[in-house]
Structures are given as structure tokens and as C-alpha cells.
């Protein structure tokens, strides 16, 4: 059984997730948006297996290099955004200097594709490619937990006006990849509070089930 802790980080309060195994000896980090000292201190207690990135916008990747350097763990990112970690124009960090310094790190260690199954923390994380907010947006599904990035929020959806975004594509992603999941799957979004697939399929005003 997995446990997780949420760290809202940075100017946009991006949710970073520290996910640990049942024995609380190993961990992964999802979307470390800044090199936050409290997150790094918590990670010192674990063997860190990986950094998973739902998509490579600046507010989701600002702490990636610090975590990778300190803990020697691999970084996973969808292949459609394989060069975004190293390109401050593509990851948006040049566009919002009031929110972040330019971010230009190393390439990901592993490139993801839709349907990949990642064996981490003794569990299987399935990769769901959900483009629309960005070309390489993915969700990570493990049991009844969905780390959804910026595709689906509580009663909202991700913005689609950034480079590579598409409202039609995002709607298809949500309907075809997320709304087909069981009602009780818990949606852990990139910003804001959690929700469930059933609640959003029924009540989300932007994409009806």
C-alpha cells in the first residue's frame, strides 16, 4: 500500500507528490516544482527511486535537477517533451521571469510512452498519455491513485492556450483516457485539491462524461 504527501510549491502552488512504499523505506517524487528545502529534507529519509514528471512546464520541473543530483535517481518524462528540461523557452521559464529563473537542466533519463508500466516502490504505475495541456502530458495510475498533472482538476481542466496546447485534444484525452477509469479513482492534480473520476465525470462543467 502506498502513502503520499503533497507539497504545494512555488509561485503557482504546484503540487509535488512524495510517494512512499508501505514500509516507508523507498520513495518517488512526482513534479518537484522547486528545489524546496522541506521536500528535500523529507527525501533524506528514503531511498529515492525516481522522479516522475507529468509534463515539463517550468512550475513542475524547477526542483528536478536538485533532486536528481542529491539522490542519484533517474528522471522520467514523455518523449514528446524530451528536450524541454534543457530548453528554457520550451518549458516556459523564460516567459515568466517574475515567477522563476530560467530553467535549463539535463535531458531525462527515461522517455515515456502511452501504456508504459513502471515498476516502482513494488507497485505498477501505468502511463496514460493525456495531451492537450501540453504535448507530452501524462498521468500516472497506480491502483486507485491517479497523478493527473494539469489535465484534470477539481471542477476544472488544464489551460490550453500555451504552445502545444489544444482544447479539442485535451477534451479527447479526458474522455478517452481518464473518464473511462472507475468512479472511485482518486485524482491527484497538479494544482488544487484532489477529487475523483466519478465526481468529475458527473460535475465537471468543462468536460462532461
N, C-alpha and C. Protein backbone atom coordinates (compact mmCIF):
# COMPACT_ATOMS: atom_id res chain seq x y z
N UNK A 1 0.84 -1.19 0.00
CA UNK A 1 0.00 0.00 0.00
C UNK A 1 0.88 1.24 0.00
N UNK A 2 0.58 2.17 -0.90
CA UNK A 2 1.36 3.39 -0.99
C UNK A 2 0.80 4.47 -0.07
N UNK A 3 1.67 5.35 0.36
CA UNK A 3 1.24 6.56 1.04
C UNK A 3 1.84 7.74 0.28
N UNK A 4 1.22 8.91 0.43
CA UNK A 4 1.76 10.07 -0.26
C UNK A 4 1.58 11.31 0.58
N UNK A 5 2.44 12.29 0.33
CA UNK A 5 2.36 13.60 0.96
C UNK A 5 2.43 14.65 -0.14
N UNK A 6 1.62 15.69 -0.02
CA UNK A 6 1.55 16.74 -1.02
C UNK A 6 2.32 17.97 -0.55
N UNK A 7 3.13 18.53 -1.45
CA UNK A 7 3.89 19.75 -1.18
C UNK A 7 3.51 20.79 -2.23
N UNK A 8 2.63 21.75 -1.92
CA UNK A 8 2.34 22.83 -2.87
C UNK A 8 3.53 23.80 -2.93
N UNK A 9 4.14 23.93 -4.11
CA UNK A 9 5.41 24.63 -4.23
C UNK A 9 5.35 25.78 -5.23
N UNK A 10 6.13 26.81 -4.95
CA UNK A 10 6.38 27.87 -5.91
C UNK A 10 5.25 28.87 -6.05
N UNK A 11 5.47 29.80 -6.98
CA UNK A 11 4.52 30.90 -7.18
C UNK A 11 3.15 30.41 -7.62
N UNK A 12 3.09 29.27 -8.30
CA UNK A 12 1.82 28.74 -8.80
C UNK A 12 1.27 27.63 -7.92
N UNK A 13 1.92 27.40 -6.76
CA UNK A 13 1.46 26.37 -5.83
C UNK A 13 1.21 25.04 -6.54
N UNK A 14 2.24 24.60 -7.24
CA UNK A 14 2.19 23.32 -7.94
C UNK A 14 2.32 22.18 -6.95
N UNK A 15 1.46 21.19 -7.08
CA UNK A 15 1.50 20.05 -6.18
C UNK A 15 2.64 19.10 -6.55
N UNK A 16 3.65 19.02 -5.68
CA UNK A 16 4.64 17.96 -5.77
C UNK A 16 4.18 16.83 -4.85
N UNK A 17 4.35 15.61 -5.29
CA UNK A 17 3.91 14.46 -4.50
C UNK A 17 5.11 13.60 -4.12
N UNK A 18 5.25 13.35 -2.84
CA UNK A 18 6.21 12.40 -2.31
C UNK A 18 5.44 11.11 -2.04
N UNK A 19 5.76 10.06 -2.78
CA UNK A 19 5.04 8.80 -2.69
C UNK A 19 5.99 7.76 -2.11
N UNK A 20 5.52 7.02 -1.09
CA UNK A 20 6.39 6.06 -0.41
C UNK A 20 5.75 4.68 -0.38
N UNK A 21 6.59 3.66 -0.25
CA UNK A 21 6.10 2.29 -0.14
C UNK A 21 5.54 2.05 1.25
N UNK A 22 4.92 0.89 1.43
CA UNK A 22 4.25 0.58 2.70
C UNK A 22 5.21 0.60 3.88
N UNK A 23 6.44 0.18 3.64
CA UNK A 23 7.43 0.14 4.72
C UNK A 23 8.07 1.50 4.98
N UNK A 24 7.74 2.47 4.14
CA UNK A 24 8.28 3.82 4.26
C UNK A 24 9.81 3.83 4.24
N UNK A 25 10.36 3.03 3.31
CA UNK A 25 11.81 2.99 3.13
C UNK A 25 12.24 3.54 1.78
N UNK A 26 11.32 3.51 0.80
CA UNK A 26 11.63 3.96 -0.55
C UNK A 26 10.59 4.98 -1.00
N UNK A 27 11.01 5.84 -1.93
CA UNK A 27 10.12 6.92 -2.36
C UNK A 27 10.34 7.24 -3.82
N UNK A 28 9.31 7.85 -4.41
CA UNK A 28 9.45 8.55 -5.69
C UNK A 28 8.92 9.96 -5.49
N UNK A 29 9.31 10.86 -6.38
CA UNK A 29 8.81 12.23 -6.35
C UNK A 29 8.14 12.51 -7.69
N UNK A 30 6.95 13.09 -7.64
CA UNK A 30 6.24 13.47 -8.84
C UNK A 30 6.17 14.99 -8.89
N UNK A 31 6.70 15.58 -9.95
CA UNK A 31 6.63 17.02 -10.22
C UNK A 31 7.22 17.91 -9.12
N UNK A 32 8.51 17.77 -8.83
CA UNK A 32 9.14 18.70 -7.87
C UNK A 32 9.32 20.08 -8.52
N UNK A 33 8.38 20.97 -8.28
CA UNK A 33 8.34 22.24 -9.00
C UNK A 33 9.39 23.24 -8.62
N UNK A 34 9.92 23.14 -7.40
CA UNK A 34 11.02 23.99 -6.95
C UNK A 34 11.97 23.15 -6.10
N UNK A 35 13.21 23.59 -5.91
CA UNK A 35 14.14 22.88 -5.01
C UNK A 35 13.82 23.20 -3.55
N UNK A 36 12.65 22.79 -3.12
CA UNK A 36 12.12 23.15 -1.80
C UNK A 36 12.88 22.43 -0.69
N UNK A 37 13.31 23.16 0.32
CA UNK A 37 14.13 22.58 1.38
C UNK A 37 13.34 21.57 2.22
N UNK A 38 12.05 21.82 2.45
CA UNK A 38 11.28 20.87 3.26
C UNK A 38 11.08 19.55 2.52
N UNK A 39 10.87 19.62 1.22
CA UNK A 39 10.77 18.39 0.44
C UNK A 39 12.09 17.64 0.43
N UNK A 40 13.17 18.34 0.23
CA UNK A 40 14.48 17.68 0.19
C UNK A 40 14.82 17.04 1.53
N UNK A 41 14.47 17.70 2.62
CA UNK A 41 14.72 17.12 3.94
C UNK A 41 13.92 15.84 4.14
N UNK A 42 12.67 15.84 3.69
CA UNK A 42 11.85 14.63 3.82
C UNK A 42 12.44 13.50 2.99
N UNK A 43 12.96 13.82 1.82
CA UNK A 43 13.51 12.79 0.96
C UNK A 43 14.75 12.12 1.55
N UNK A 44 15.45 12.83 2.42
CA UNK A 44 16.65 12.26 3.04
C UNK A 44 16.34 10.99 3.82
N UNK A 45 15.09 10.78 4.18
CA UNK A 45 14.71 9.61 4.98
C UNK A 45 14.52 8.36 4.13
N UNK A 46 14.57 8.50 2.81
CA UNK A 46 14.20 7.39 1.93
C UNK A 46 15.28 7.10 0.89
N UNK A 47 15.20 5.91 0.32
CA UNK A 47 15.90 5.60 -0.91
C UNK A 47 15.01 6.10 -2.05
N UNK A 48 15.48 7.10 -2.78
CA UNK A 48 14.65 7.72 -3.82
C UNK A 48 14.84 6.96 -5.13
N UNK A 49 13.77 6.36 -5.63
CA UNK A 49 13.87 5.51 -6.81
C UNK A 49 13.77 6.29 -8.12
N UNK A 50 13.02 7.37 -8.16
CA UNK A 50 12.81 8.07 -9.43
C UNK A 50 12.13 9.40 -9.21
N UNK A 51 12.27 10.27 -10.21
CA UNK A 51 11.47 11.48 -10.35
C UNK A 51 10.57 11.27 -11.57
N UNK A 52 9.26 11.37 -11.36
CA UNK A 52 8.30 11.28 -12.46
C UNK A 52 7.77 12.67 -12.76
N UNK A 53 7.70 13.01 -14.04
CA UNK A 53 7.24 14.34 -14.44
C UNK A 53 5.98 14.17 -15.29
N UNK A 54 4.88 14.81 -14.87
CA UNK A 54 3.64 14.71 -15.64
C UNK A 54 3.73 15.53 -16.93
N UNK A 55 4.48 16.63 -16.90
CA UNK A 55 4.77 17.42 -18.09
C UNK A 55 5.82 18.45 -17.70
N UNK A 56 6.50 19.01 -18.68
CA UNK A 56 7.71 19.78 -18.39
C UNK A 56 7.51 21.28 -18.46
N UNK A 57 6.38 21.79 -17.99
CA UNK A 57 6.27 23.23 -17.77
C UNK A 57 7.10 23.61 -16.55
N UNK A 58 7.59 24.85 -16.54
CA UNK A 58 8.58 25.27 -15.54
C UNK A 58 8.12 25.03 -14.11
N UNK A 59 6.83 25.20 -13.84
CA UNK A 59 6.36 25.09 -12.46
C UNK A 59 6.29 23.66 -11.96
N UNK A 60 6.56 22.70 -12.85
CA UNK A 60 6.58 21.29 -12.46
C UNK A 60 7.99 20.71 -12.44
N UNK A 61 8.99 21.47 -12.89
CA UNK A 61 10.33 20.88 -13.05
C UNK A 61 11.44 21.65 -12.34
N UNK A 62 11.11 22.74 -11.64
CA UNK A 62 12.16 23.59 -11.09
C UNK A 62 13.08 22.91 -10.08
N UNK A 63 12.61 21.83 -9.45
CA UNK A 63 13.44 21.12 -8.48
C UNK A 63 14.02 19.82 -8.99
N UNK A 64 13.81 19.51 -10.26
CA UNK A 64 14.24 18.21 -10.80
C UNK A 64 15.74 18.01 -10.66
N UNK A 65 16.54 19.00 -11.08
CA UNK A 65 17.99 18.81 -11.05
C UNK A 65 18.51 18.65 -9.63
N UNK A 66 17.97 19.41 -8.70
CA UNK A 66 18.42 19.29 -7.32
C UNK A 66 18.14 17.89 -6.77
N UNK A 67 16.96 17.36 -7.04
CA UNK A 67 16.64 16.01 -6.56
C UNK A 67 17.51 14.98 -7.26
N UNK A 68 17.67 15.09 -8.57
CA UNK A 68 18.47 14.12 -9.30
C UNK A 68 19.92 14.13 -8.83
N UNK A 69 20.49 15.32 -8.63
CA UNK A 69 21.88 15.41 -8.19
C UNK A 69 22.06 14.87 -6.77
N UNK A 70 21.15 15.22 -5.88
CA UNK A 70 21.34 14.83 -4.48
C UNK A 70 21.13 13.34 -4.27
N UNK A 71 20.17 12.74 -4.99
CA UNK A 71 19.79 11.36 -4.70
C UNK A 71 20.18 10.37 -5.79
N UNK A 72 20.73 10.87 -6.89
CA UNK A 72 21.21 9.98 -7.95
C UNK A 72 20.12 9.14 -8.58
N UNK A 73 18.93 9.69 -8.70
CA UNK A 73 17.80 8.91 -9.21
C UNK A 73 17.48 9.31 -10.65
N UNK A 74 16.90 8.41 -11.42
CA UNK A 74 16.55 8.73 -12.81
C UNK A 74 15.30 9.60 -12.90
N UNK A 75 15.22 10.33 -14.01
CA UNK A 75 14.09 11.22 -14.29
C UNK A 75 13.32 10.68 -15.49
N UNK A 76 12.00 10.58 -15.34
CA UNK A 76 11.11 10.03 -16.37
C UNK A 76 10.24 11.14 -16.94
N UNK A 77 10.16 11.21 -18.28
CA UNK A 77 9.38 12.24 -18.96
C UNK A 77 8.92 11.70 -20.31
N UNK A 78 7.74 12.11 -20.76
CA UNK A 78 7.24 11.65 -22.05
C UNK A 78 8.14 12.14 -23.19
N UNK A 79 8.24 11.31 -24.23
CA UNK A 79 9.16 11.59 -25.34
C UNK A 79 8.80 12.86 -26.10
N UNK A 80 7.52 13.28 -26.09
CA UNK A 80 7.13 14.48 -26.82
C UNK A 80 7.75 15.74 -26.23
N UNK A 81 8.24 15.66 -25.00
CA UNK A 81 8.87 16.82 -24.36
C UNK A 81 10.31 16.51 -23.95
N UNK A 82 10.96 15.65 -24.71
CA UNK A 82 12.28 15.16 -24.32
C UNK A 82 13.33 16.25 -24.19
N UNK A 83 13.17 17.38 -24.94
CA UNK A 83 14.16 18.44 -24.86
C UNK A 83 13.69 19.64 -24.03
N UNK A 84 12.56 19.53 -23.37
CA UNK A 84 12.03 20.67 -22.63
C UNK A 84 12.80 20.93 -21.33
N UNK A 85 13.35 19.91 -20.72
CA UNK A 85 14.10 20.13 -19.47
C UNK A 85 15.30 21.04 -19.70
N UNK A 86 15.88 20.97 -20.89
CA UNK A 86 17.10 21.72 -21.18
C UNK A 86 16.84 23.00 -21.97
N UNK A 87 15.59 23.29 -22.29
CA UNK A 87 15.26 24.44 -23.14
C UNK A 87 14.32 25.37 -22.37
N UNK A 88 14.86 26.49 -21.90
CA UNK A 88 14.08 27.41 -21.08
C UNK A 88 12.95 28.07 -21.85
N UNK A 89 13.06 28.14 -23.17
CA UNK A 89 11.96 28.69 -23.97
C UNK A 89 10.81 27.70 -24.03
N UNK A 90 11.11 26.44 -24.24
CA UNK A 90 10.05 25.44 -24.36
C UNK A 90 9.36 25.16 -23.03
N UNK A 91 10.11 25.14 -21.93
CA UNK A 91 9.47 24.85 -20.64
C UNK A 91 8.80 26.08 -20.02
N UNK A 92 8.93 27.23 -20.67
CA UNK A 92 8.21 28.42 -20.25
C UNK A 92 8.88 29.27 -19.20
N UNK A 93 10.06 28.86 -18.75
CA UNK A 93 10.70 29.63 -17.67
C UNK A 93 11.23 30.98 -18.15
N UNK A 94 11.44 31.14 -19.46
CA UNK A 94 11.82 32.45 -19.98
C UNK A 94 10.63 33.40 -20.07
N UNK A 95 9.45 32.81 -20.14
CA UNK A 95 8.24 33.61 -20.38
C UNK A 95 7.76 34.31 -19.11
N UNK A 96 8.05 33.74 -17.95
CA UNK A 96 7.56 34.30 -16.69
C UNK A 96 8.72 34.56 -15.73
N UNK A 97 9.56 35.55 -16.03
CA UNK A 97 10.71 35.82 -15.17
C UNK A 97 10.32 36.26 -13.76
N UNK A 98 9.09 36.76 -13.60
CA UNK A 98 8.66 37.16 -12.27
C UNK A 98 8.36 35.95 -11.38
N UNK A 99 8.21 34.79 -11.98
CA UNK A 99 7.87 33.59 -11.22
C UNK A 99 9.02 32.62 -11.06
N UNK A 100 10.03 32.69 -11.97
CA UNK A 100 11.08 31.68 -11.93
C UNK A 100 12.31 32.18 -12.67
N UNK A 101 13.50 31.77 -12.24
CA UNK A 101 14.68 31.98 -13.09
C UNK A 101 14.63 31.01 -14.27
N UNK A 102 15.44 31.25 -15.31
CA UNK A 102 15.48 30.30 -16.42
C UNK A 102 15.88 28.91 -15.94
N UNK A 103 15.20 27.90 -16.44
CA UNK A 103 15.47 26.51 -16.08
C UNK A 103 16.01 25.79 -17.30
N UNK A 104 17.22 25.27 -17.18
CA UNK A 104 17.84 24.50 -18.27
C UNK A 104 18.71 23.42 -17.65
N UNK A 105 18.15 22.23 -17.50
CA UNK A 105 18.87 21.12 -16.89
C UNK A 105 19.27 20.08 -17.91
N UNK A 106 19.49 18.88 -17.42
CA UNK A 106 19.88 17.77 -18.28
C UNK A 106 18.66 17.07 -18.85
N UNK A 107 18.88 16.27 -19.87
CA UNK A 107 17.81 15.52 -20.51
C UNK A 107 17.26 14.47 -19.55
N UNK A 108 16.03 14.00 -19.77
CA UNK A 108 15.50 12.92 -18.94
C UNK A 108 16.31 11.64 -19.14
N UNK A 109 16.27 10.79 -18.13
CA UNK A 109 16.99 9.51 -18.19
C UNK A 109 16.17 8.44 -18.89
N UNK A 110 14.85 8.56 -18.81
CA UNK A 110 14.00 7.59 -19.50
C UNK A 110 12.83 8.33 -20.13
N UNK A 111 12.56 7.98 -21.38
CA UNK A 111 11.44 8.58 -22.11
C UNK A 111 10.23 7.66 -22.03
N UNK A 112 9.08 8.26 -21.80
CA UNK A 112 7.85 7.51 -21.59
C UNK A 112 6.98 7.51 -22.84
N UNK A 113 6.15 6.46 -22.95
CA UNK A 113 5.13 6.36 -23.99
C UNK A 113 3.84 5.90 -23.35
N UNK A 114 2.74 6.16 -24.04
CA UNK A 114 1.43 5.74 -23.54
C UNK A 114 1.40 4.23 -23.31
N UNK A 115 0.88 3.84 -22.15
CA UNK A 115 0.76 2.43 -21.84
C UNK A 115 1.96 1.81 -21.15
N UNK A 116 3.05 2.55 -21.03
CA UNK A 116 4.20 2.02 -20.30
C UNK A 116 3.79 1.63 -18.89
N UNK A 117 4.42 0.58 -18.37
CA UNK A 117 4.20 0.16 -16.99
C UNK A 117 5.52 0.25 -16.24
N UNK A 118 5.56 1.11 -15.24
CA UNK A 118 6.76 1.37 -14.47
C UNK A 118 6.70 0.59 -13.16
N UNK A 119 7.74 -0.18 -12.90
CA UNK A 119 7.80 -0.94 -11.65
C UNK A 119 8.58 -0.12 -10.63
N UNK A 120 7.86 0.51 -9.72
CA UNK A 120 8.45 1.39 -8.72
C UNK A 120 7.77 1.14 -7.38
N UNK A 121 8.53 1.19 -6.31
CA UNK A 121 8.02 1.02 -4.95
C UNK A 121 7.29 -0.31 -4.78
N UNK A 122 7.65 -1.30 -5.59
CA UNK A 122 6.98 -2.59 -5.52
C UNK A 122 5.58 -2.58 -6.12
N UNK A 123 5.24 -1.52 -6.86
CA UNK A 123 3.93 -1.37 -7.47
C UNK A 123 4.09 -1.07 -8.96
N UNK A 124 2.99 -1.15 -9.69
CA UNK A 124 2.99 -0.83 -11.11
C UNK A 124 2.30 0.52 -11.33
N UNK A 125 3.02 1.43 -11.95
CA UNK A 125 2.48 2.73 -12.35
C UNK A 125 2.28 2.69 -13.87
N UNK A 126 1.03 2.87 -14.30
CA UNK A 126 0.73 2.86 -15.74
C UNK A 126 0.72 4.28 -16.27
N UNK A 127 1.35 4.48 -17.41
CA UNK A 127 1.46 5.80 -18.03
C UNK A 127 0.28 6.01 -18.97
N UNK A 128 -0.48 7.10 -18.72
CA UNK A 128 -1.59 7.49 -19.58
C UNK A 128 -1.22 8.79 -20.26
N UNK A 129 -1.01 8.75 -21.57
CA UNK A 129 -0.67 9.96 -22.32
C UNK A 129 -1.94 10.79 -22.49
N UNK A 130 -1.92 12.02 -21.97
CA UNK A 130 -3.11 12.88 -21.98
C UNK A 130 -2.77 14.25 -22.56
N UNK A 131 -2.38 14.33 -23.83
CA UNK A 131 -2.01 15.61 -24.43
C UNK A 131 -3.20 16.57 -24.49
N UNK A 132 -2.88 17.85 -24.60
CA UNK A 132 -3.89 18.88 -24.68
C UNK A 132 -3.46 20.10 -23.90
N UNK A 133 -3.07 19.89 -22.64
CA UNK A 133 -2.44 20.98 -21.88
C UNK A 133 -1.04 21.23 -22.42
N UNK A 134 -0.34 20.14 -22.71
CA UNK A 134 0.96 20.20 -23.37
C UNK A 134 1.12 18.90 -24.15
N UNK A 135 2.04 18.85 -25.12
CA UNK A 135 2.13 17.66 -25.98
C UNK A 135 2.49 16.37 -25.25
N UNK A 136 3.30 16.49 -24.20
CA UNK A 136 3.76 15.29 -23.50
C UNK A 136 3.12 15.07 -22.16
N UNK A 137 1.98 15.68 -21.91
CA UNK A 137 1.31 15.50 -20.62
C UNK A 137 0.93 14.03 -20.43
N UNK A 138 1.19 13.54 -19.21
CA UNK A 138 0.80 12.17 -18.86
C UNK A 138 0.20 12.16 -17.46
N UNK A 139 -0.57 11.11 -17.21
CA UNK A 139 -0.97 10.77 -15.85
C UNK A 139 -0.30 9.47 -15.45
N UNK A 140 -0.11 9.29 -14.15
CA UNK A 140 0.47 8.05 -13.62
C UNK A 140 -0.60 7.38 -12.76
N UNK A 141 -1.04 6.20 -13.17
CA UNK A 141 -2.10 5.48 -12.48
C UNK A 141 -1.50 4.30 -11.72
N UNK A 142 -1.75 4.28 -10.41
CA UNK A 142 -1.30 3.17 -9.57
C UNK A 142 -2.45 2.78 -8.66
N UNK A 143 -3.05 1.64 -8.90
CA UNK A 143 -4.21 1.24 -8.11
C UNK A 143 -5.33 2.25 -8.28
N UNK A 144 -5.80 2.82 -7.16
CA UNK A 144 -6.88 3.80 -7.23
C UNK A 144 -6.37 5.23 -7.13
N UNK A 145 -5.08 5.43 -7.40
CA UNK A 145 -4.49 6.77 -7.38
C UNK A 145 -4.09 7.18 -8.79
N UNK A 146 -4.54 8.36 -9.21
CA UNK A 146 -4.14 8.91 -10.49
C UNK A 146 -3.46 10.26 -10.27
N UNK A 147 -2.17 10.31 -10.54
CA UNK A 147 -1.43 11.57 -10.50
C UNK A 147 -1.59 12.20 -11.88
N UNK A 148 -2.48 13.21 -11.96
CA UNK A 148 -3.03 13.62 -13.24
C UNK A 148 -2.35 14.81 -13.88
N UNK A 149 -1.37 15.44 -13.20
CA UNK A 149 -0.76 16.62 -13.78
C UNK A 149 -1.78 17.72 -13.98
N UNK A 150 -1.68 18.45 -15.08
CA UNK A 150 -2.57 19.58 -15.34
C UNK A 150 -3.64 19.26 -16.37
N UNK A 151 -3.97 17.98 -16.54
CA UNK A 151 -5.06 17.63 -17.46
C UNK A 151 -6.41 17.89 -16.82
N UNK A 152 -6.61 17.36 -15.61
CA UNK A 152 -7.91 17.39 -14.96
C UNK A 152 -7.77 17.88 -13.54
N UNK A 153 -8.59 18.87 -13.18
CA UNK A 153 -8.63 19.42 -11.82
C UNK A 153 -10.03 19.21 -11.24
N UNK A 154 -10.17 19.54 -9.97
CA UNK A 154 -11.50 19.51 -9.37
C UNK A 154 -12.36 20.60 -10.01
N UNK A 155 -13.36 20.16 -10.75
CA UNK A 155 -14.31 21.03 -11.44
C UNK A 155 -13.64 21.95 -12.46
N UNK A 156 -12.51 21.53 -12.98
CA UNK A 156 -11.82 22.34 -13.99
C UNK A 156 -10.92 21.43 -14.82
N UNK A 157 -10.26 22.05 -15.80
CA UNK A 157 -9.32 21.33 -16.66
C UNK A 157 -8.11 22.24 -16.89
N UNK A 158 -7.07 21.69 -17.46
CA UNK A 158 -5.86 22.46 -17.73
C UNK A 158 -6.06 23.49 -18.82
N UNK A 159 -5.30 24.56 -18.74
CA UNK A 159 -5.35 25.58 -19.79
C UNK A 159 -4.77 25.03 -21.08
N UNK A 160 -5.23 25.56 -22.19
CA UNK A 160 -4.78 25.04 -23.49
C UNK A 160 -4.25 26.14 -24.40
N UNK A 161 -3.98 27.32 -23.82
CA UNK A 161 -3.54 28.45 -24.63
C UNK A 161 -2.03 28.61 -24.66
N UNK A 162 -1.29 27.66 -24.10
CA UNK A 162 0.17 27.70 -24.14
C UNK A 162 0.66 26.95 -25.38
N UNK A 163 1.91 27.18 -25.80
CA UNK A 163 2.41 26.50 -27.00
C UNK A 163 2.25 24.98 -26.91
N UNK A 164 1.69 24.40 -27.96
CA UNK A 164 1.48 22.96 -27.99
C UNK A 164 0.18 22.51 -27.37
N UNK A 165 -0.62 23.47 -26.85
CA UNK A 165 -1.89 23.11 -26.24
C UNK A 165 -3.00 23.00 -27.27
N UNK A 166 -4.05 22.26 -26.91
CA UNK A 166 -5.20 22.09 -27.81
C UNK A 166 -6.41 21.71 -26.97
N UNK A 167 -7.46 22.52 -27.02
CA UNK A 167 -8.65 22.22 -26.24
C UNK A 167 -9.35 20.96 -26.74
N UNK A 168 -9.39 20.77 -28.05
CA UNK A 168 -10.01 19.55 -28.58
C UNK A 168 -9.25 18.31 -28.14
N UNK A 169 -7.93 18.40 -28.19
CA UNK A 169 -7.11 17.26 -27.79
C UNK A 169 -7.26 16.97 -26.31
N UNK A 170 -7.32 18.01 -25.49
CA UNK A 170 -7.48 17.81 -24.05
C UNK A 170 -8.83 17.16 -23.75
N UNK A 171 -9.88 17.61 -24.39
CA UNK A 171 -11.19 17.01 -24.19
C UNK A 171 -11.17 15.53 -24.54
N UNK A 172 -10.54 15.18 -25.67
CA UNK A 172 -10.43 13.76 -26.05
C UNK A 172 -9.64 12.98 -25.01
N UNK A 173 -8.54 13.56 -24.54
CA UNK A 173 -7.72 12.87 -23.54
C UNK A 173 -8.51 12.56 -22.28
N UNK A 174 -9.26 13.55 -21.82
CA UNK A 174 -10.03 13.35 -20.59
C UNK A 174 -11.12 12.31 -20.79
N UNK A 175 -11.84 12.40 -21.89
CA UNK A 175 -12.94 11.45 -22.12
C UNK A 175 -12.44 10.04 -22.40
N UNK A 176 -11.36 9.92 -23.19
CA UNK A 176 -10.92 8.61 -23.65
C UNK A 176 -9.92 7.93 -22.72
N UNK A 177 -9.19 8.72 -21.92
CA UNK A 177 -8.16 8.12 -21.06
C UNK A 177 -8.53 8.18 -19.58
N UNK A 178 -9.23 9.23 -19.16
CA UNK A 178 -9.49 9.42 -17.73
C UNK A 178 -10.93 9.04 -17.33
N UNK A 179 -11.91 9.50 -18.07
CA UNK A 179 -13.29 9.21 -17.70
C UNK A 179 -13.66 7.75 -17.87
N UNK A 180 -12.82 6.96 -18.52
CA UNK A 180 -13.07 5.52 -18.63
C UNK A 180 -12.59 4.76 -17.40
N UNK A 181 -11.92 5.44 -16.48
CA UNK A 181 -11.44 4.80 -15.26
C UNK A 181 -12.59 4.67 -14.26
N UNK A 182 -12.45 3.79 -13.26
CA UNK A 182 -13.53 3.61 -12.28
C UNK A 182 -13.83 4.89 -11.51
N UNK A 183 -15.08 5.01 -11.07
CA UNK A 183 -15.53 6.20 -10.35
C UNK A 183 -14.69 6.51 -9.13
N UNK A 184 -14.21 5.47 -8.44
CA UNK A 184 -13.54 5.71 -7.16
C UNK A 184 -12.05 6.01 -7.28
N UNK A 185 -11.54 6.11 -8.51
CA UNK A 185 -10.14 6.51 -8.68
C UNK A 185 -9.96 7.94 -8.18
N UNK A 186 -8.99 8.14 -7.31
CA UNK A 186 -8.71 9.45 -6.73
C UNK A 186 -7.80 10.22 -7.68
N UNK A 187 -8.24 11.41 -8.06
CA UNK A 187 -7.47 12.26 -8.97
C UNK A 187 -6.63 13.23 -8.14
N UNK A 188 -5.31 13.13 -8.27
CA UNK A 188 -4.36 13.99 -7.57
C UNK A 188 -3.77 14.94 -8.62
N UNK A 189 -4.28 16.16 -8.68
CA UNK A 189 -3.93 17.06 -9.79
C UNK A 189 -2.65 17.85 -9.54
N UNK A 190 -2.23 18.56 -10.58
CA UNK A 190 -1.04 19.37 -10.48
C UNK A 190 -1.22 20.63 -9.67
N UNK A 191 -2.46 21.05 -9.46
CA UNK A 191 -2.77 22.23 -8.65
C UNK A 191 -4.10 21.99 -7.96
N UNK A 192 -4.22 22.48 -6.74
CA UNK A 192 -5.51 22.43 -6.07
C UNK A 192 -5.81 21.10 -5.41
N UNK A 193 -7.08 20.96 -4.93
CA UNK A 193 -7.45 19.78 -4.15
C UNK A 193 -7.70 18.56 -5.00
N UNK A 194 -7.70 17.40 -4.34
CA UNK A 194 -7.99 16.16 -5.04
C UNK A 194 -9.48 16.04 -5.32
N UNK A 195 -9.82 15.06 -6.14
CA UNK A 195 -11.20 14.78 -6.50
C UNK A 195 -11.26 13.31 -6.88
N UNK A 196 -12.34 12.90 -7.52
CA UNK A 196 -12.44 11.52 -8.03
C UNK A 196 -12.92 11.55 -9.47
N UNK A 197 -12.67 10.47 -10.16
CA UNK A 197 -13.13 10.36 -11.54
C UNK A 197 -14.66 10.45 -11.59
N UNK A 198 -15.34 9.78 -10.68
CA UNK A 198 -16.79 9.82 -10.69
C UNK A 198 -17.34 11.22 -10.51
N UNK A 199 -16.76 11.99 -9.58
CA UNK A 199 -17.21 13.36 -9.35
C UNK A 199 -17.02 14.21 -10.60
N UNK A 200 -15.87 14.08 -11.24
CA UNK A 200 -15.60 14.93 -12.40
C UNK A 200 -16.42 14.52 -13.61
N UNK A 201 -16.61 13.24 -13.80
CA UNK A 201 -17.44 12.80 -14.91
C UNK A 201 -18.86 13.35 -14.75
N UNK A 202 -19.31 13.44 -13.52
CA UNK A 202 -20.68 13.91 -13.26
C UNK A 202 -20.79 15.43 -13.21
N UNK A 203 -19.80 16.12 -12.61
CA UNK A 203 -19.97 17.53 -12.24
C UNK A 203 -19.02 18.51 -12.91
N UNK A 204 -18.02 18.02 -13.63
CA UNK A 204 -17.07 18.97 -14.22
C UNK A 204 -17.76 19.76 -15.34
N UNK A 205 -17.80 21.09 -15.24
CA UNK A 205 -18.53 21.88 -16.23
C UNK A 205 -17.83 22.02 -17.57
N UNK A 206 -16.55 21.66 -17.64
CA UNK A 206 -15.77 21.86 -18.85
C UNK A 206 -15.78 20.64 -19.76
N UNK A 207 -15.77 19.44 -19.17
CA UNK A 207 -15.82 18.20 -19.95
C UNK A 207 -16.82 17.27 -19.27
N UNK A 208 -17.95 17.07 -19.90
CA UNK A 208 -18.96 16.16 -19.38
C UNK A 208 -18.63 14.72 -19.79
N UNK A 209 -18.99 13.80 -18.92
CA UNK A 209 -18.73 12.39 -19.20
C UNK A 209 -19.63 11.85 -20.29
